[in-house]
Amino acid sequence: MKDGERKDMILSGSMYKVLFTLSIPIMVNNLIQTLYNLADGVWVSKISSVHFAATAFVWPVNFLFISIGFGLTIAGTSILSQLIGGDKYEEANDYVNQLMVISMLTALVFSLVGYMITPYVINLMGARGDLAEYSNIYLRITFLDMPFMFLFYNFNSIMNAQGNTITPTLLNGMSAVLNVILDPIFIFTLDMGIAGAAIATLISRAILAIVSMYILMRSPSLLKPSLKGFKFNKGKIKKIVKIALPSSIGQSGTALGFMVLNTFIASYGTATMAAYGMVNRITSLVMQPAGGIGAALTAIVGQNMGANQMDRVKEAFRKAINFTVTIGVIGGLIMLWKDEEIIHLFMQSKDSMETIRQGVSYLRYSAFFTPLMGIFNVLQGMFQGSGHTKYSMSMEIGRLWFVRLPMILVFKHLTNIGPTGIWISMTVSNLIACIYGFLIYRRNTWQERVVQLEESVKPSN
C-alpha cells in the first residue's frame, strides 16, 4: 500500500479496518521484541537465576536514559501525522531533520554518561555480590547500543506517522532473528556469559539501525531526512520539546519509579527479582495486541485531528477500547488456567524452584490487570496522538509514585504478606490510573489542546 493510500484509509476508511491494518504490524513488531527479550531471558536463566535477575534489575536504569528517545518519537509521530493530515509535507520534512539531529546528539551524550556512571547507580540501588557484578557487566554494554536505538526510533516515528507500520516490523523481525541466533553463540560457544547476551543485542540493533536508514533514503517515503545545509530551527525545536518533554518526563518518572521498585523487590531476594522480571515479560507477550492498538491510535488520532475529523477520533477510541478489553480478558483467563505450565516454560535454571513458586503467584495477580493495561495503552495512544502528552505523563507518574510505591511501603512495613504486597499494589495502581485517564477523556480538554497545537504548527503565509 502506498503512503497516499494509507492516508486516505486513515481519514475515511472503516475504523476497525484502519485499527487492524495499522496495529497488526505493530503487534507483530512488539511480539518479536518481547520474544527475543524472552529468548535472552531463557538463555541467561540457563546459567543461573541470579544472572537472569541481573537483566531484570538493570532494565529501569537503561529505560531512564532512553525515555528521552521515547519522548522524541512520540512528539515526532504526533507532529508529523498531524502535518500529513493537513497536507503540509514540506514542513513535516523540516521537522524530520530537526528530530534526527536532536535524537542523535542526545543518544551519544547519554550513552557516554550511562557507561561511566553504571557502577555508582547499581551500588546506589542496593545490589551487592553477584547481582551487582552481573548487573554492571550487562548494563554497561547495553548503554553502547543507545545511538542505534534512537536512530531506529526516528525511522519508526517517520514511518508510523505515515501509517506505514509494516516496514519497521519486517526490519525488527530480522533483527530479532539475528539476536536469537547470536545469543547462544556469544553466551555459551564463546563463553562470554551475561556479557554475551548484551553484545548479541548490540550487534543486532546496530545492523537494524543501519539497514533502516538505508531503506528510508531509498524508499518512496513522503518524508525523508536531508541534512544538507542543516540549521537548528528554534521555533520547531521549541514545539518538539513542548510535546516531547511531558512524555519524556513521564517515561523518566516511570523509569525512576521502577528503579525504586526494583530496590524494594531486590530486598526480598533474587528469587523475587527473577520472578518479577519473568512474569513481566510474559504479560508483555499477552498484551501485544493492546500495545499495537495503542501505538496505531497515535497516528490515527494525529492524522484525523490534522484533518479536523473529531468524530472519527472518538470512534477510533471507542473501538480500540472494545478490542483491547476483550483481548485482556481472554489473556487473563489463559494465564489463570495454565499458570504453572507457563512459568515452567520460561524459567529453566536448576536453582529456580522458589522463583517458580513466586512467579506463579505473581502471574495470577497479573491475570486480573491485563484488561486494565489494554485500557491504559489506548488512553496513552489517544493523548499522545493529540499532542496532549501531559495527560499521558500524569498517568505514568501517578500510578507509580502516588499509588504503587506508597502501597508497597505500607505492605512491606505494616504487614507480613511479603512479595504478595507488591503484586497487589501493581494491580490497584493500574486500576486507579485507568480511572483517572478515562475521567480526563470525558472532560474533552484534550480536544482544546489539539486546536492550539494544530494552529501552532501551521506555516505562516
Protein backbone atom coordinates (compact mmCIF):
# COMPACT_ATOMS: atom_id res chain seq x y z
CA MET A 1 0.00 0.00 0.00
CA LYS A 2 1.36 3.42 -1.00
CA ASP A 3 1.65 6.25 1.53
CA GLY A 4 -1.15 8.26 -0.12
CA GLU A 5 -3.46 5.25 0.04
CA ARG A 6 -2.68 4.78 3.73
CA LYS A 7 -3.60 8.39 4.39
CA ASP A 8 -6.94 8.00 2.59
CA MET A 9 -7.67 4.86 4.58
CA ILE A 10 -6.86 6.57 7.90
CA LEU A 11 -9.02 9.58 7.11
CA SER A 12 -12.03 7.84 5.51
CA GLY A 13 -11.77 4.04 5.76
CA SER A 14 -13.64 1.62 8.02
CA MET A 15 -12.31 2.28 11.52
CA TYR A 16 -11.89 -1.37 12.50
CA LYS A 17 -10.03 -1.93 9.25
CA VAL A 18 -7.81 1.08 9.95
CA LEU A 19 -7.09 -0.08 13.51
CA PHE A 20 -6.24 -3.62 12.47
CA THR A 21 -4.28 -2.65 9.36
CA LEU A 22 -2.04 -0.30 11.32
CA SER A 23 -1.88 -2.22 14.58
CA ILE A 24 -1.24 -5.77 13.37
CA PRO A 25 2.29 -4.98 12.12
CA ILE A 26 2.96 -3.13 15.38
CA MET A 27 1.65 -6.13 17.34
CA VAL A 28 3.96 -8.40 15.39
CA ASN A 29 6.81 -5.94 15.92
CA ASN A 30 6.21 -5.80 19.67
CA LEU A 31 5.73 -9.55 19.79
CA ILE A 32 9.06 -10.06 18.10
CA GLN A 33 10.72 -7.67 20.54
CA THR A 34 9.18 -9.47 23.50
CA LEU A 35 10.07 -12.89 22.14
CA TYR A 36 13.71 -12.04 21.73
CA ASN A 37 13.75 -10.45 25.19
CA LEU A 38 12.28 -13.73 26.40
CA ALA A 39 14.92 -15.58 24.39
CA ASP A 40 17.59 -13.51 26.16
CA GLY A 41 15.96 -14.39 29.45
CA VAL A 42 15.69 -18.09 28.69
CA TRP A 43 19.34 -18.34 27.63
CA VAL A 44 20.58 -16.30 30.60
CA SER A 45 18.35 -18.22 33.03
CA LYS A 46 20.15 -21.40 31.96
CA ILE A 47 23.27 -20.01 33.66
CA SER A 48 21.51 -19.20 36.94
CA SER A 49 18.55 -17.28 38.36
CA VAL A 50 20.98 -14.61 39.64
CA HIS A 51 22.14 -13.92 36.07
CA PHE A 52 18.54 -13.56 34.98
CA ALA A 53 17.72 -11.36 37.96
CA ALA A 54 20.53 -9.01 36.89
CA THR A 55 18.90 -8.44 33.46
CA ALA A 56 15.62 -7.52 35.16
CA PHE A 57 17.32 -5.42 37.84
CA VAL A 58 19.09 -3.03 35.43
CA TRP A 59 16.24 -2.58 32.96
CA PRO A 60 14.80 0.58 34.61
CA VAL A 61 18.21 2.26 34.57
CA ASN A 62 18.58 1.84 30.82
CA PHE A 63 14.94 2.81 30.36
CA LEU A 64 15.54 6.03 32.27
CA PHE A 65 18.06 7.15 29.66
CA ILE A 66 16.12 6.08 26.59
CA SER A 67 12.97 7.82 27.88
CA ILE A 68 14.13 10.96 26.08
CA GLY A 69 14.20 8.94 22.87
CA PHE A 70 10.66 7.72 23.53
CA GLY A 71 9.53 11.28 24.10
CA LEU A 72 11.06 12.48 20.84
CA THR A 73 9.49 9.54 18.99
CA ILE A 74 6.05 10.35 20.37
CA ALA A 75 6.49 14.03 19.54
CA GLY A 76 7.61 13.12 16.04
CA THR A 77 4.67 10.81 15.37
CA SER A 78 2.18 13.35 16.76
CA ILE A 79 3.52 16.37 14.86
CA LEU A 80 4.29 14.56 11.62
CA SER A 81 0.94 12.75 11.46
CA GLN A 82 -0.99 15.97 12.02
CA LEU A 83 1.03 17.77 9.34
CA ILE A 84 0.45 14.88 6.93
CA GLY A 85 -3.28 15.02 7.72
CA GLY A 86 -3.16 18.74 6.83
CA ASP A 87 -1.11 18.13 3.60
CA LYS A 88 1.89 20.08 4.92
CA TYR A 89 4.69 17.80 3.67
CA GLU A 90 7.44 20.40 3.30
CA GLU A 91 7.10 21.50 6.90
CA ALA A 92 6.91 17.87 8.01
CA ASN A 93 10.28 17.21 6.36
CA ASP A 94 11.76 20.19 8.19
CA TYR A 95 10.63 18.61 11.45
CA VAL A 96 12.18 15.29 10.42
CA ASN A 97 15.59 16.94 10.11
CA GLN A 98 15.34 18.64 13.48
CA LEU A 99 14.22 15.41 15.15
CA MET A 100 17.06 13.36 13.66
CA VAL A 101 19.81 15.72 14.81
CA ILE A 102 18.38 16.24 18.30
CA SER A 103 17.95 12.49 18.77
CA MET A 104 21.46 11.54 17.74
CA LEU A 105 23.17 14.21 19.83
CA THR A 106 21.12 13.17 22.85
CA ALA A 107 21.85 9.47 22.31
CA LEU A 108 25.62 9.97 22.07
CA VAL A 109 25.76 12.01 25.28
CA PHE A 110 23.53 9.59 27.20
CA SER A 111 25.48 6.56 26.01
CA LEU A 112 28.74 8.01 27.30
CA VAL A 113 27.31 9.24 30.60
CA GLY A 114 25.43 6.00 31.22
CA TYR A 115 28.51 3.87 30.65
CA MET A 116 30.53 5.95 33.10
CA ILE A 117 28.04 6.08 35.97
CA THR A 118 26.81 2.46 35.78
CA PRO A 119 28.76 1.12 38.81
CA TYR A 120 27.63 4.00 41.03
CA VAL A 121 23.97 3.64 40.06
CA ILE A 122 23.96 -0.11 40.67
CA ASN A 123 25.55 0.39 44.08
CA LEU A 124 23.02 3.12 44.90
CA MET A 125 20.16 0.76 44.02
CA GLY A 126 21.41 -1.68 46.64
CA ALA A 127 22.80 -4.52 44.52
CA ARG A 128 25.60 -6.47 46.15
CA GLY A 129 27.72 -9.51 45.40
CA ASP A 130 26.98 -11.49 42.23
CA LEU A 131 23.88 -9.43 41.43
CA ALA A 132 25.95 -6.23 41.37
CA GLU A 133 28.74 -7.82 39.32
CA TYR A 134 26.46 -9.22 36.62
CA SER A 135 24.28 -6.09 36.56
CA ASN A 136 27.32 -3.90 35.97
CA ILE A 137 28.57 -6.04 33.08
CA TYR A 138 25.17 -6.24 31.39
CA LEU A 139 24.16 -2.59 31.78
CA ARG A 140 27.43 -1.08 30.56
CA ILE A 141 27.24 -2.96 27.28
CA THR A 142 23.55 -2.15 26.74
CA PHE A 143 24.36 1.56 27.03
CA LEU A 144 26.54 1.27 23.93
CA ASP A 145 23.57 0.47 21.69
CA MET A 146 21.70 3.66 22.58
CA PRO A 147 22.62 5.65 19.40
CA PHE A 148 21.40 2.74 17.26
CA MET A 149 18.15 2.53 19.23
CA PHE A 150 17.48 6.25 18.86
CA LEU A 151 18.17 6.06 15.13
CA PHE A 152 15.63 3.28 14.71
CA TYR A 153 13.14 5.22 16.87
CA ASN A 154 13.41 8.06 14.35
CA PHE A 155 12.77 5.66 11.49
CA ASN A 156 9.83 4.15 13.33
CA SER A 157 8.34 7.58 14.06
CA ILE A 158 8.62 8.70 10.42
CA MET A 159 7.04 5.51 9.11
CA ASN A 160 4.27 5.29 11.71
CA ALA A 161 3.23 8.90 11.13
CA GLN A 162 2.54 7.94 7.51
CA GLY A 163 0.64 4.82 8.53
CA ASN A 164 3.45 2.53 7.37
CA THR A 165 3.76 0.06 10.24
CA ILE A 166 4.82 -2.92 8.09
CA THR A 167 8.36 -1.89 7.16
CA PRO A 168 9.56 -1.34 10.76
CA THR A 169 8.05 -4.70 11.68
CA LEU A 170 9.90 -6.57 8.96
CA LEU A 171 13.20 -4.96 9.91
CA ASN A 172 12.71 -5.59 13.61
CA GLY A 173 11.83 -9.19 12.84
CA MET A 174 15.10 -9.72 11.02
CA SER A 175 16.96 -8.08 13.91
CA ALA A 176 15.18 -10.35 16.40
CA VAL A 177 16.08 -13.48 14.45
CA LEU A 178 19.70 -12.36 14.32
CA ASN A 179 19.68 -11.73 18.08
CA VAL A 180 18.25 -15.17 18.82
CA ILE A 181 20.95 -16.76 16.65
CA LEU A 182 23.76 -14.77 18.23
CA ASP A 183 22.67 -15.24 21.87
CA PRO A 184 23.78 -18.86 22.40
CA ILE A 185 26.91 -18.27 20.33
CA PHE A 186 28.13 -15.39 22.48
CA ILE A 187 26.80 -16.71 25.80
CA PHE A 188 27.91 -20.34 25.57
CA THR A 189 30.05 -21.07 22.49
CA LEU A 190 32.32 -18.07 23.12
CA ASP A 191 31.80 -18.50 26.88
CA MET A 192 31.03 -14.81 27.47
CA GLY A 193 28.13 -15.39 29.85
CA ILE A 194 25.81 -12.48 30.53
CA ALA A 195 28.10 -10.14 28.56
CA GLY A 196 27.44 -12.28 25.50
CA ALA A 197 23.69 -11.63 25.72
CA ALA A 198 24.27 -7.87 25.77
CA ILE A 199 26.79 -7.99 22.90
CA ALA A 200 24.40 -10.04 20.76
CA THR A 201 21.72 -7.37 21.27
CA LEU A 202 24.20 -4.57 20.50
CA ILE A 203 25.19 -6.13 17.17
CA SER A 204 21.58 -6.83 16.21
CA ARG A 205 20.48 -3.25 16.93
CA ALA A 206 23.42 -1.71 15.10
CA ILE A 207 22.57 -3.65 11.95
CA LEU A 208 18.88 -2.76 12.37
CA ALA A 209 19.64 0.98 12.54
CA ILE A 210 21.95 0.96 9.53
CA VAL A 211 19.54 -1.00 7.34
CA SER A 212 16.54 1.14 8.38
CA MET A 213 18.28 4.36 7.38
CA TYR A 214 19.31 2.86 4.05
CA ILE A 215 15.73 1.82 3.33
CA LEU A 216 14.34 5.20 4.37
CA MET A 217 16.58 7.04 1.93
CA ARG A 218 15.86 4.59 -0.91
CA SER A 219 12.09 4.18 -0.40
CA PRO A 220 9.31 6.36 -1.91
CA SER A 221 8.53 7.74 1.57
CA LEU A 222 6.70 11.06 1.76
CA LEU A 223 9.18 12.12 4.45
CA LYS A 224 12.97 11.89 4.18
CA PRO A 225 15.77 13.41 6.24
CA SER A 226 18.14 15.75 4.44
CA LEU A 227 20.92 17.32 6.49
CA LYS A 228 22.44 19.32 3.63
CA GLY A 229 22.67 22.92 4.83
CA PHE A 230 21.08 21.94 8.13
CA LYS A 231 20.44 24.67 10.69
CA PHE A 232 18.74 24.41 14.04
CA ASN A 233 15.28 25.98 13.99
CA LYS A 234 14.46 27.34 17.44
CA GLY A 235 10.74 27.54 16.74
CA LYS A 236 10.48 23.93 15.61
CA ILE A 237 12.73 22.69 18.42
CA LYS A 238 10.53 24.51 20.91
CA LYS A 239 7.43 22.80 19.50
CA ILE A 240 9.12 19.40 19.55
CA VAL A 241 10.23 19.90 23.15
CA LYS A 242 6.78 21.14 24.15
CA ILE A 243 5.28 17.81 23.14
CA ALA A 244 8.27 15.56 23.88
CA LEU A 245 9.08 16.91 27.34
CA PRO A 246 5.92 15.76 29.19
CA SER A 247 6.20 12.34 27.60
CA SER A 248 9.91 12.13 28.42
CA ILE A 249 9.23 13.23 31.99
CA GLY A 250 6.52 10.60 32.22
CA GLN A 251 8.85 7.92 30.88
CA SER A 252 11.70 9.13 33.11
CA GLY A 253 9.44 9.23 36.14
CA THR A 254 8.32 5.71 35.32
CA ALA A 255 11.92 4.54 34.99
CA LEU A 256 12.91 6.15 38.30
CA GLY A 257 9.85 4.62 39.91
CA PHE A 258 10.82 1.20 38.63
CA MET A 259 14.36 1.72 39.91
CA VAL A 260 12.94 2.34 43.38
CA LEU A 261 10.51 -0.54 42.89
CA ASN A 262 13.38 -2.84 41.93
CA THR A 263 15.18 -1.84 45.10
CA PHE A 264 12.16 -2.93 47.14
CA ILE A 265 11.83 -6.15 45.15
CA ALA A 266 15.54 -6.96 45.46
CA SER A 267 15.22 -6.64 49.24
CA TYR A 268 13.05 -9.79 49.16
CA GLY A 269 15.84 -11.73 47.41
CA THR A 270 16.94 -12.70 43.92
CA ALA A 271 14.13 -15.26 43.59
CA THR A 272 11.54 -12.49 43.87
CA MET A 273 13.51 -10.30 41.46
CA ALA A 274 13.72 -13.09 38.90
CA ALA A 275 10.01 -13.96 39.27
CA TYR A 276 9.07 -10.32 38.79
CA GLY A 277 11.20 -9.98 35.65
CA MET A 278 9.96 -13.19 34.08
CA VAL A 279 6.24 -12.56 34.67
CA ASN A 280 6.55 -9.02 33.34
CA ARG A 281 7.93 -10.44 30.10
CA ILE A 282 5.11 -12.99 29.93
CA THR A 283 2.40 -10.37 30.48
CA SER A 284 4.09 -8.15 27.89
CA LEU A 285 3.68 -11.04 25.46
CA VAL A 286 -0.03 -11.38 26.26
CA MET A 287 -0.62 -7.63 25.91
CA GLN A 288 1.00 -7.23 22.49
CA PRO A 289 -2.38 -6.69 20.74
CA ALA A 290 -3.29 -3.91 23.17
CA GLY A 291 0.12 -2.31 22.75
CA GLY A 292 -0.26 -2.43 18.98
CA ILE A 293 -3.70 -0.82 19.08
CA GLY A 294 -2.46 1.94 21.39
CA ALA A 295 0.54 2.70 19.17
CA ALA A 296 -1.58 2.67 16.00
CA LEU A 297 -4.04 5.04 17.64
CA THR A 298 -1.33 7.71 17.86
CA ALA A 299 -1.12 8.06 14.06
CA ILE A 300 -4.90 7.65 13.59
CA VAL A 301 -5.68 10.36 16.13
CA GLY A 302 -2.96 12.66 14.79
CA GLN A 303 -3.98 12.50 11.12
CA ASN A 304 -7.71 12.83 11.81
CA MET A 305 -7.15 15.77 14.13
CA GLY A 306 -4.99 17.36 11.45
CA ALA A 307 -7.97 16.96 9.11
CA ASN A 308 -10.41 18.24 11.79
CA GLN A 309 -12.34 14.95 11.96
CA MET A 310 -13.08 14.68 15.69
CA ASP A 311 -15.93 12.19 15.24
CA ARG A 312 -13.52 9.68 13.73
CA VAL A 313 -11.09 10.26 16.59
CA LYS A 314 -13.76 9.36 19.15
CA GLU A 315 -14.89 6.39 17.06
CA ALA A 316 -11.32 5.11 16.99
CA PHE A 317 -11.08 5.44 20.77
CA ARG A 318 -14.31 3.51 21.44
CA LYS A 319 -13.46 0.65 19.11
CA ALA A 320 -9.90 0.44 20.42
CA ILE A 321 -11.21 0.11 23.99
CA ASN A 322 -13.63 -2.66 22.99
CA PHE A 323 -10.89 -4.66 21.32
CA THR A 324 -8.19 -4.30 23.98
CA VAL A 325 -10.50 -5.16 26.88
CA THR A 326 -11.65 -8.31 25.08
CA ILE A 327 -8.06 -9.39 24.44
CA GLY A 328 -7.09 -8.62 28.04
CA VAL A 329 -9.89 -10.75 29.46
CA ILE A 330 -9.02 -13.70 27.19
CA GLY A 331 -5.31 -13.42 28.03
CA GLY A 332 -6.02 -13.21 31.75
CA LEU A 333 -8.18 -16.34 31.67
CA ILE A 334 -5.41 -18.25 29.87
CA MET A 335 -2.86 -17.15 32.49
CA LEU A 336 -5.13 -18.37 35.30
CA TRP A 337 -5.81 -21.64 33.51
CA LYS A 338 -2.19 -22.56 32.65
CA ASP A 339 -0.25 -20.61 35.27
CA GLU A 340 2.27 -23.27 36.34
CA GLU A 341 2.86 -24.53 32.80
CA ILE A 342 3.59 -21.01 31.57
CA ILE A 343 6.12 -20.28 34.32
CA HIS A 344 7.89 -23.62 33.88
CA LEU A 345 8.21 -22.93 30.16
CA PHE A 346 10.22 -19.74 30.67
CA MET A 347 12.18 -20.40 33.86
CA GLN A 348 14.56 -23.32 33.38
CA SER A 349 17.55 -22.97 35.71
CA LYS A 350 18.09 -25.72 38.27
CA ASP A 351 18.12 -23.35 41.24
CA SER A 352 14.78 -21.74 40.44
CA MET A 353 12.12 -23.61 42.48
CA GLU A 354 11.44 -20.63 44.74
CA THR A 355 11.44 -18.35 41.70
CA ILE A 356 8.83 -20.57 40.06
CA ARG A 357 6.63 -20.55 43.17
CA GLN A 358 6.68 -16.76 43.38
CA GLY A 359 6.29 -16.45 39.62
CA VAL A 360 3.06 -18.45 39.70
CA SER A 361 1.73 -16.21 42.47
CA TYR A 362 2.57 -13.02 40.56
CA LEU A 363 1.15 -14.41 37.31
CA ARG A 364 -2.22 -15.00 38.97
CA TYR A 365 -2.41 -11.38 40.12
CA SER A 366 -1.24 -10.20 36.69
CA ALA A 367 -4.16 -12.04 35.08
CA PHE A 368 -6.54 -9.59 36.73
CA PHE A 369 -4.85 -6.40 35.49
CA THR A 370 -4.24 -7.38 31.85
CA PRO A 371 -7.58 -5.81 30.75
CA LEU A 372 -6.58 -2.64 32.64
CA MET A 373 -3.30 -2.47 30.74
CA GLY A 374 -5.27 -2.58 27.49
CA ILE A 375 -7.28 0.46 28.58
CA PHE A 376 -4.08 2.15 29.75
CA ASN A 377 -2.45 1.68 26.31
CA VAL A 378 -5.46 3.08 24.46
CA LEU A 379 -5.61 6.17 26.69
CA GLN A 380 -1.88 6.72 26.19
CA GLY A 381 -2.29 6.47 22.40
CA MET A 382 -5.17 8.93 22.46
CA PHE A 383 -3.37 11.59 24.50
CA GLN A 384 -0.06 11.17 22.65
CA GLY A 385 -1.65 11.30 19.21
CA SER A 386 -3.46 14.50 20.15
CA GLY A 387 -0.21 16.07 21.32
CA HIS A 388 -1.66 16.27 24.83
CA THR A 389 1.26 14.39 26.36
CA LYS A 390 0.94 15.93 29.82
CA TYR A 391 -2.01 13.64 30.48
CA SER A 392 -0.08 10.53 29.48
CA MET A 393 2.75 11.80 31.69
CA SER A 394 0.48 12.18 34.72
CA MET A 395 -0.94 8.69 34.19
CA GLU A 396 2.52 7.14 34.09
CA ILE A 397 3.98 9.02 37.03
CA GLY A 398 0.83 8.94 39.13
CA ARG A 399 0.33 5.20 39.08
CA LEU A 400 3.91 4.61 40.27
CA TRP A 401 4.80 7.44 42.62
CA PHE A 402 1.42 8.25 44.14
CA VAL A 403 -0.18 4.81 44.29
CA ARG A 404 2.09 1.80 43.71
CA LEU A 405 5.21 2.74 45.68
CA PRO A 406 3.33 4.09 48.75
CA MET A 407 1.19 0.94 48.80
CA ILE A 408 4.28 -1.27 48.61
CA LEU A 409 5.82 0.60 51.54
CA VAL A 410 2.66 0.10 53.58
CA PHE A 411 2.54 -3.61 52.81
CA LYS A 412 6.27 -4.04 53.47
CA HIS A 413 6.36 -2.37 56.87
CA LEU A 414 2.84 -2.86 58.24
CA THR A 415 2.00 -6.40 57.09
CA ASN A 416 3.61 -9.82 56.85
CA ILE A 417 2.39 -10.84 53.41
CA GLY A 418 5.83 -10.50 51.79
CA PRO A 419 6.11 -10.11 47.99
CA THR A 420 2.33 -10.51 47.63
CA GLY A 421 2.06 -6.85 48.68
CA ILE A 422 3.98 -5.90 45.52
CA TRP A 423 1.61 -7.85 43.28
CA ILE A 424 -1.49 -6.31 44.91
CA SER A 425 -0.04 -2.80 44.66
CA MET A 426 0.63 -3.19 40.94
CA THR A 427 -2.95 -4.29 40.27
CA VAL A 428 -4.54 -1.45 42.25
CA SER A 429 -2.24 1.22 40.76
CA ASN A 430 -3.16 0.21 37.20
CA LEU A 431 -6.87 0.41 38.06
CA ILE A 432 -6.58 3.92 39.52
CA ALA A 433 -4.50 5.15 36.55
CA CYS A 434 -7.17 3.94 34.11
CA ILE A 435 -9.96 5.62 36.08
CA TYR A 436 -8.01 8.89 36.05
CA GLY A 437 -7.32 8.66 32.30
CA PHE A 438 -10.94 7.93 31.48
CA LEU A 439 -12.10 10.92 33.53
CA ILE A 440 -9.69 13.15 31.61
CA TYR A 441 -11.01 11.79 28.32
CA ARG A 442 -14.61 12.54 29.36
CA ARG A 443 -13.69 16.15 30.17
CA ASN A 444 -12.75 16.73 26.49
CA THR A 445 -9.98 19.18 27.38
CA TRP A 446 -7.62 17.19 25.13
CA GLN A 447 -9.65 18.48 22.16
CA GLU A 448 -8.97 22.11 23.05
CA ARG A 449 -5.25 21.46 23.25
CA VAL A 450 -5.32 19.86 19.85
CA VAL A 451 -6.75 23.01 18.28
CA GLN A 452 -3.88 25.04 19.76
CA LEU A 453 -1.29 22.55 18.53
CA GLU A 454 -2.80 22.42 15.06
CA GLU A 455 -2.67 26.18 14.75
CA SER A 456 0.85 26.35 16.16
CA VAL A 457 2.32 24.02 13.54
CA LYS A 458 0.75 25.73 10.55
CA PRO A 459 3.32 27.59 8.45
CA SER A 460 2.90 31.34 8.26
CA ASN A 461 1.67 32.78 4.98
